[in-house]
Amino acid sequence: LWAVDEARKARADGILFAFHWGCNY
């Protein structure tokens, strides 16, 4: 919810959730 709020403040069009293979959490 925090990430969405900050993305809107930055006037983002979309969120890219990227992570390494092997990053468990």
PDB file of all heavy atoms in Angstrom:
ATOM      1  N   LEU A   1       0.828  -1.199   0.000  1.00  0.00           N
ATOM      2  CA  LEU A   1       0.000   0.000   0.000  1.00  0.00           C
ATOM      3  C   LEU A   1       0.864   1.251   0.000  1.00  0.00           C
ATOM      4  O   LEU A   1       0.539   2.250  -0.657  1.00  0.00           O
ATOM      5  CB  LEU A   1      -0.936  -0.011   1.215  1.00  0.00           C
ATOM      6  CG  LEU A   1      -2.038  -1.076   1.181  1.00  0.00           C
ATOM      7  CD1 LEU A   1      -2.741  -1.156   2.532  1.00  0.00           C
ATOM      8  CD2 LEU A   1      -3.034  -0.793   0.058  1.00  0.00           C
ATOM      9  N   TRP A   2       1.968   1.193   0.746  1.00  0.00           N
ATOM     10  CA  TRP A   2       2.907   2.316   0.737  1.00  0.00           C
ATOM     11  C   TRP A   2       3.512   2.511  -0.651  1.00  0.00           C
ATOM     12  O   TRP A   2       3.619   3.641  -1.155  1.00  0.00           O
ATOM     13  CB  TRP A   2       4.017   2.071   1.766  1.00  0.00           C
ATOM     14  CG  TRP A   2       5.195   2.983   1.573  1.00  0.00           C
ATOM     15  CD1 TRP A   2       5.291   4.294   1.942  1.00  0.00           C
ATOM     16  CD2 TRP A   2       6.425   2.659   0.927  1.00  0.00           C
ATOM     17  NE1 TRP A   2       6.518   4.799   1.578  1.00  0.00           N
ATOM     18  CE2 TRP A   2       7.221   3.824   0.959  1.00  0.00           C
ATOM     19  CE3 TRP A   2       6.935   1.504   0.335  1.00  0.00           C
ATOM     20  CZ2 TRP A   2       8.520   3.850   0.406  1.00  0.00           C
ATOM     21  CZ3 TRP A   2       8.216   1.526  -0.206  1.00  0.00           C
ATOM     22  CH2 TRP A   2       8.985   2.687  -0.177  1.00  0.00           C
ATOM     23  N   ALA A   3       3.916   1.412  -1.302  1.00  0.00           N
ATOM     24  CA  ALA A   3       4.529   1.488  -2.627  1.00  0.00           C
ATOM     25  C   ALA A   3       3.558   2.098  -3.642  1.00  0.00           C
ATOM     26  O   ALA A   3       3.946   2.923  -4.482  1.00  0.00           O
ATOM     27  CB  ALA A   3       4.977   0.108  -3.088  1.00  0.00           C
ATOM     28  N   VAL A   4       2.297   1.722  -3.559  1.00  0.00           N
ATOM     29  CA  VAL A   4       1.286   2.288  -4.464  1.00  0.00           C
ATOM     30  C   VAL A   4       1.158   3.786  -4.245  1.00  0.00           C
ATOM     31  O   VAL A   4       1.111   4.577  -5.198  1.00  0.00           O
ATOM     32  CB  VAL A   4      -0.080   1.591  -4.259  1.00  0.00           C
ATOM     33  CG1 VAL A   4      -1.190   2.352  -4.973  1.00  0.00           C
ATOM     34  CG2 VAL A   4      -0.017   0.151  -4.749  1.00  0.00           C
ATOM     35  N   ASP A   5       1.119   4.199  -2.989  1.00  0.00           N
ATOM     36  CA  ASP A   5       0.986   5.618  -2.659  1.00  0.00           C
ATOM     37  C   ASP A   5       2.168   6.419  -3.189  1.00  0.00           C
ATOM     38  O   ASP A   5       2.006   7.491  -3.785  1.00  0.00           O
ATOM     39  CB  ASP A   5       0.859   5.781  -1.140  1.00  0.00           C
ATOM     40  CG  ASP A   5       0.522   7.205  -0.742  1.00  0.00           C
ATOM     41  OD1 ASP A   5      -0.376   7.799  -1.361  1.00  0.00           O
ATOM     42  OD2 ASP A   5       1.162   7.730   0.186  1.00  0.00           O
ATOM     43  N   GLU A   6       3.386   5.886  -2.996  1.00  0.00           N
ATOM     44  CA  GLU A   6       4.574   6.598  -3.463  1.00  0.00           C
ATOM     45  C   GLU A   6       4.645   6.618  -4.990  1.00  0.00           C
ATOM     46  O   GLU A   6       5.087   7.610  -5.591  1.00  0.00           O
ATOM     47  CB  GLU A   6       5.840   5.947  -2.888  1.00  0.00           C
ATOM     48  CG  GLU A   6       5.956   6.053  -1.371  1.00  0.00           C
ATOM     49  CD  GLU A   6       5.901   7.482  -0.872  1.00  0.00           C
ATOM     50  OE1 GLU A   6       6.603   8.338  -1.450  1.00  0.00           O
ATOM     51  OE2 GLU A   6       5.142   7.759   0.078  1.00  0.00           O
ATOM     52  N   ALA A   7       4.227   5.523  -5.636  1.00  0.00           N
ATOM     53  CA  ALA A   7       4.220   5.483  -7.095  1.00  0.00           C
ATOM     54  C   ALA A   7       3.282   6.550  -7.652  1.00  0.00           C
ATOM     55  O   ALA A   7       3.578   7.195  -8.672  1.00  0.00           O
ATOM     56  CB  ALA A   7       3.803   4.095  -7.578  1.00  0.00           C
ATOM     57  N   ARG A   8       2.150   6.742  -6.993  1.00  0.00           N
ATOM     58  CA  ARG A   8       1.214   7.779  -7.440  1.00  0.00           C
ATOM     59  C   ARG A   8       1.807   9.173  -7.264  1.00  0.00           C
ATOM     60  O   ARG A   8       1.606  10.054  -8.110  1.00  0.00           O
ATOM     61  CB  ARG A   8      -0.094   7.646  -6.670  1.00  0.00           C
ATOM     62  CG  ARG A   8      -0.959   6.480  -7.164  1.00  0.00           C
ATOM     63  CD  ARG A   8      -2.192   6.322  -6.329  1.00  0.00           C
ATOM     64  NE  ARG A   8      -3.132   5.372  -6.929  1.00  0.00           N
ATOM     65  CZ  ARG A   8      -4.032   4.702  -6.248  1.00  0.00           C
ATOM     66  NH1 ARG A   8      -4.138   4.884  -4.939  1.00  0.00           N
ATOM     67  NH2 ARG A   8      -4.843   3.863  -6.866  1.00  0.00           N
ATOM     68  N   LYS A   9       2.524   9.382  -6.179  1.00  0.00           N
ATOM     69  CA  LYS A   9       3.167  10.682  -5.971  1.00  0.00           C
ATOM     70  C   LYS A   9       4.179  10.969  -7.074  1.00  0.00           C
ATOM     71  O   LYS A   9       4.389  12.131  -7.453  1.00  0.00           O
ATOM     72  CB  LYS A   9       3.856  10.711  -4.600  1.00  0.00           C
ATOM     73  CG  LYS A   9       2.910  10.703  -3.419  1.00  0.00           C
ATOM     74  CD  LYS A   9       3.689  10.629  -2.106  1.00  0.00           C
ATOM     75  CE  LYS A   9       2.744  10.547  -0.908  1.00  0.00           C
ATOM     76  NZ  LYS A   9       3.499  10.383   0.378  1.00  0.00           N
ATOM     77  N   ALA A  10       4.819   9.906  -7.561  1.00  0.00           N
ATOM     78  CA  ALA A  10       5.793  10.058  -8.641  1.00  0.00           C
ATOM     79  C   ALA A  10       5.130  10.074 -10.011  1.00  0.00           C
ATOM     80  O   ALA A  10       5.814  10.129 -11.027  1.00  0.00           O
ATOM     81  CB  ALA A  10       6.821   8.929  -8.578  1.00  0.00           C
ATOM     82  N   ARG A  11       3.781   9.980 -10.037  1.00  0.00           N
ATOM     83  CA  ARG A  11       2.995   9.984 -11.276  1.00  0.00           C
ATOM     84  C   ARG A  11       3.370   8.802 -12.157  1.00  0.00           C
ATOM     85  O   ARG A  11       3.550   8.928 -13.367  1.00  0.00           O
ATOM     86  CB  ARG A  11       3.174  11.309 -12.017  1.00  0.00           C
ATOM     87  CG  ARG A  11       2.632  12.512 -11.255  1.00  0.00           C
ATOM     88  CD  ARG A  11       3.163  13.835 -11.736  1.00  0.00           C
ATOM     89  NE  ARG A  11       3.060  13.944 -13.187  1.00  0.00           N
ATOM     90  CZ  ARG A  11       3.970  14.581 -13.932  1.00  0.00           C
ATOM     91  NH1 ARG A  11       5.027  15.144 -13.355  1.00  0.00           N
ATOM     92  NH2 ARG A  11       3.811  14.661 -15.236  1.00  0.00           N
ATOM     93  N   ALA A  12       3.491   7.642 -11.533  1.00  0.00           N
ATOM     94  CA  ALA A  12       3.831   6.423 -12.269  1.00  0.00           C
ATOM     95  C   ALA A  12       2.621   5.911 -13.041  1.00  0.00           C
ATOM     96  O   ALA A  12       1.482   6.025 -12.596  1.00  0.00           O
ATOM     97  CB  ALA A  12       4.321   5.350 -11.309  1.00  0.00           C
ATOM     98  N   ASP A  13       2.899   5.315 -14.196  1.00  0.00           N
ATOM     99  CA  ASP A  13       1.854   4.659 -14.979  1.00  0.00           C
ATOM    100  C   ASP A  13       1.704   3.200 -14.594  1.00  0.00           C
ATOM    101  O   ASP A  13       0.656   2.588 -14.854  1.00  0.00           O
ATOM    102  CB  ASP A  13       2.180   4.744 -16.475  1.00  0.00           C
ATOM    103  CG  ASP A  13       2.185   6.172 -16.985  1.00  0.00           C
ATOM    104  OD1 ASP A  13       1.212   6.895 -16.715  1.00  0.00           O
ATOM    105  OD2 ASP A  13       3.171   6.570 -17.640  1.00  0.00           O
ATOM    106  N   GLY A  14       2.740   2.621 -14.000  1.00  0.00           N
ATOM    107  CA  GLY A  14       2.679   1.221 -13.628  1.00  0.00           C
ATOM    108  C   GLY A  14       3.830   0.840 -12.725  1.00  0.00           C
ATOM    109  O   GLY A  14       4.818   1.574 -12.599  1.00  0.00           O
ATOM    110  N   ILE A  15       3.683  -0.322 -12.068  1.00  0.00           N
ATOM    111  CA  ILE A  15       4.701  -0.839 -11.156  1.00  0.00           C
ATOM    112  C   ILE A  15       5.355  -2.070 -11.779  1.00  0.00           C
ATOM    113  O   ILE A  15       4.664  -2.976 -12.256  1.00  0.00           O
ATOM    114  CB  ILE A  15       4.090  -1.194  -9.790  1.00  0.00           C
ATOM    115  CG1 ILE A  15       3.800   0.077  -8.988  1.00  0.00           C
ATOM    116  CG2 ILE A  15       5.012  -2.111  -8.993  1.00  0.00           C
ATOM    117  CD1 ILE A  15       3.169  -0.170  -7.641  1.00  0.00           C
ATOM    118  N   LEU A  16       6.664  -2.079 -11.758  1.00  0.00           N
ATOM    119  CA  LEU A  16       7.441  -3.237 -12.191  1.00  0.00           C
ATOM    120  C   LEU A  16       8.036  -3.893 -10.955  1.00  0.00           C
ATOM    121  O   LEU A  16       8.922  -3.325 -10.321  1.00  0.00           O
ATOM    122  CB  LEU A  16       8.548  -2.795 -13.150  1.00  0.00           C
ATOM    123  CG  LEU A  16       9.620  -3.827 -13.503  1.00  0.00           C
ATOM    124  CD1 LEU A  16       9.023  -5.001 -14.262  1.00  0.00           C
ATOM    125  CD2 LEU A  16      10.747  -3.181 -14.306  1.00  0.00           C
ATOM    126  N   PHE A  17       7.504  -5.061 -10.555  1.00  0.00           N
ATOM    127  CA  PHE A  17       8.050  -5.777  -9.413  1.00  0.00           C
ATOM    128  C   PHE A  17       9.065  -6.788  -9.949  1.00  0.00           C
ATOM    129  O   PHE A  17       8.708  -7.815 -10.518  1.00  0.00           O
ATOM    130  CB  PHE A  17       6.959  -6.495  -8.616  1.00  0.00           C
ATOM    131  CG  PHE A  17       7.435  -6.957  -7.256  1.00  0.00           C
ATOM    132  CD1 PHE A  17       7.058  -6.290  -6.106  1.00  0.00           C
ATOM    133  CD2 PHE A  17       8.293  -8.044  -7.145  1.00  0.00           C
ATOM    134  CE1 PHE A  17       7.502  -6.707  -4.863  1.00  0.00           C
ATOM    135  CE2 PHE A  17       8.761  -8.458  -5.906  1.00  0.00           C
ATOM    136  CZ  PHE A  17       8.362  -7.787  -4.758  1.00  0.00           C
ATOM    137  N   ALA A  18      10.342  -6.471  -9.783  1.00  0.00           N
ATOM    138  CA  ALA A  18      11.415  -7.293 -10.339  1.00  0.00           C
ATOM    139  C   ALA A  18      12.262  -7.867  -9.208  1.00  0.00           C
ATOM    140  O   ALA A  18      12.544  -7.186  -8.222  1.00  0.00           O
ATOM    141  CB  ALA A  18      12.288  -6.451 -11.269  1.00  0.00           C
ATOM    142  N   PHE A  19      12.643  -9.119  -9.367  1.00  0.00           N
ATOM    143  CA  PHE A  19      13.464  -9.749  -8.337  1.00  0.00           C
ATOM    144  C   PHE A  19      14.288 -10.866  -8.957  1.00  0.00           C
ATOM    145  O   PHE A  19      13.930 -11.431  -9.990  1.00  0.00           O
ATOM    146  CB  PHE A  19      12.600 -10.291  -7.190  1.00  0.00           C
ATOM    147  CG  PHE A  19      11.529 -11.248  -7.631  1.00  0.00           C
ATOM    148  CD1 PHE A  19      11.746 -12.619  -7.624  1.00  0.00           C
ATOM    149  CD2 PHE A  19      10.301 -10.780  -8.076  1.00  0.00           C
ATOM    150  CE1 PHE A  19      10.755 -13.499  -8.036  1.00  0.00           C
ATOM    151  CE2 PHE A  19       9.304 -11.650  -8.484  1.00  0.00           C
ATOM    152  CZ  PHE A  19       9.537 -13.024  -8.470  1.00  0.00           C
ATOM    153  N   HIS A  20      15.395 -11.170  -8.291  1.00  0.00           N
ATOM    154  CA  HIS A  20      16.273 -12.227  -8.765  1.00  0.00           C
ATOM    155  C   HIS A  20      15.674 -13.602  -8.494  1.00  0.00           C
ATOM    156  O   HIS A  20      15.075 -13.838  -7.444  1.00  0.00           O
ATOM    157  CB  HIS A  20      17.634 -12.161  -8.051  1.00  0.00           C
ATOM    158  CG  HIS A  20      18.450 -10.992  -8.452  1.00  0.00           C
ATOM    159  ND1 HIS A  20      18.843 -10.778  -9.735  1.00  0.00           N
ATOM    160  CD2 HIS A  20      18.973  -9.962  -7.721  1.00  0.00           C
ATOM    161  CE1 HIS A  20      19.567  -9.674  -9.789  1.00  0.00           C
ATOM    162  NE2 HIS A  20      19.656  -9.162  -8.586  1.00  0.00           N
ATOM    163  N   TRP A  21      15.884 -14.518  -9.418  1.00  0.00           N
ATOM    164  CA  TRP A  21      15.586 -15.917  -9.149  1.00  0.00           C
ATOM    165  C   TRP A  21      16.468 -16.357  -7.980  1.00  0.00           C
ATOM    166  O   TRP A  21      17.674 -16.129  -7.975  1.00  0.00           O
ATOM    167  CB  TRP A  21      15.880 -16.770 -10.383  1.00  0.00           C
ATOM    168  CG  TRP A  21      15.526 -18.202 -10.191  1.00  0.00           C
ATOM    169  CD1 TRP A  21      14.301 -18.769 -10.347  1.00  0.00           C
ATOM    170  CD2 TRP A  21      16.413 -19.247  -9.798  1.00  0.00           C
ATOM    171  NE1 TRP A  21      14.354 -20.104 -10.069  1.00  0.00           N
ATOM    172  CE2 TRP A  21      15.647 -20.435  -9.727  1.00  0.00           C
ATOM    173  CE3 TRP A  21      17.765 -19.316  -9.484  1.00  0.00           C
ATOM    174  CZ2 TRP A  21      16.192 -21.661  -9.377  1.00  0.00           C
ATOM    175  CZ3 TRP A  21      18.319 -20.531  -9.126  1.00  0.00           C
ATOM    176  CH2 TRP A  21      17.533 -21.685  -9.078  1.00  0.00           C
ATOM    177  N   GLY A  22      15.872 -16.942  -6.987  1.00  0.00           N
ATOM    178  CA  GLY A  22      16.623 -17.347  -5.804  1.00  0.00           C
ATOM    179  C   GLY A  22      16.413 -16.430  -4.617  1.00  0.00           C
ATOM    180  O   GLY A  22      16.847 -16.730  -3.515  1.00  0.00           O
ATOM    181  N   CYS A  23      15.725 -15.276  -4.827  1.00  0.00           N
ATOM    182  CA  CYS A  23      15.464 -14.363  -3.716  1.00  0.00           C
ATOM    183  C   CYS A  23      14.162 -14.795  -3.034  1.00  0.00           C
ATOM    184  O   CYS A  23      13.066 -14.451  -3.476  1.00  0.00           O
ATOM    185  CB  CYS A  23      15.349 -12.931  -4.218  1.00  0.00           C
ATOM    186  SG  CYS A  23      15.230 -11.719  -2.901  1.00  0.00           S
ATOM    187  N   ASN A  24      14.279 -15.573  -1.978  1.00  0.00           N
ATOM    188  CA  ASN A  24      13.125 -16.252  -1.392  1.00  0.00           C
ATOM    189  C   ASN A  24      11.998 -15.311  -0.968  1.00  0.00           C
ATOM    190  O   ASN A  24      10.830 -15.525  -1.306  1.00  0.00           O
ATOM    191  CB  ASN A  24      13.573 -17.075  -0.178  1.00  0.00           C
ATOM    192  CG  ASN A  24      14.512 -18.189  -0.565  1.00  0.00           C
ATOM    193  OD1 ASN A  24      14.495 -18.659  -1.687  1.00  0.00           O
ATOM    194  ND2 ASN A  24      15.357 -18.600   0.373  1.00  0.00           N
ATOM    195  N   TYR A  25      12.331 -14.279  -0.216  1.00  0.00           N
ATOM    196  CA  TYR A  25      11.274 -13.422   0.326  1.00  0.00           C
ATOM    197  C   TYR A  25      10.587 -12.623  -0.768  1.00  0.00           C
ATOM    198  O   TYR A  25       9.348 -12.528  -0.813  1.00  0.00           O
ATOM    199  CB  TYR A  25      11.854 -12.494   1.388  1.00  0.00           C
ATOM    200  CG  TYR A  25      10.801 -11.625   2.029  1.00  0.00           C
ATOM    201  CD1 TYR A  25       9.769 -12.194   2.773  1.00  0.00           C
ATOM    202  CD2 TYR A  25      10.815 -10.252   1.870  1.00  0.00           C
ATOM    203  CE1 TYR A  25       8.788 -11.403   3.342  1.00  0.00           C
ATOM    204  CE2 TYR A  25       9.833  -9.453   2.440  1.00  0.00           C
ATOM    205  CZ  TYR A  25       8.823 -10.034   3.176  1.00  0.00           C
ATOM    206  OH  TYR A  25       7.856  -9.254   3.734  1.00  0.00           O
TER     207      TYR A  25
END
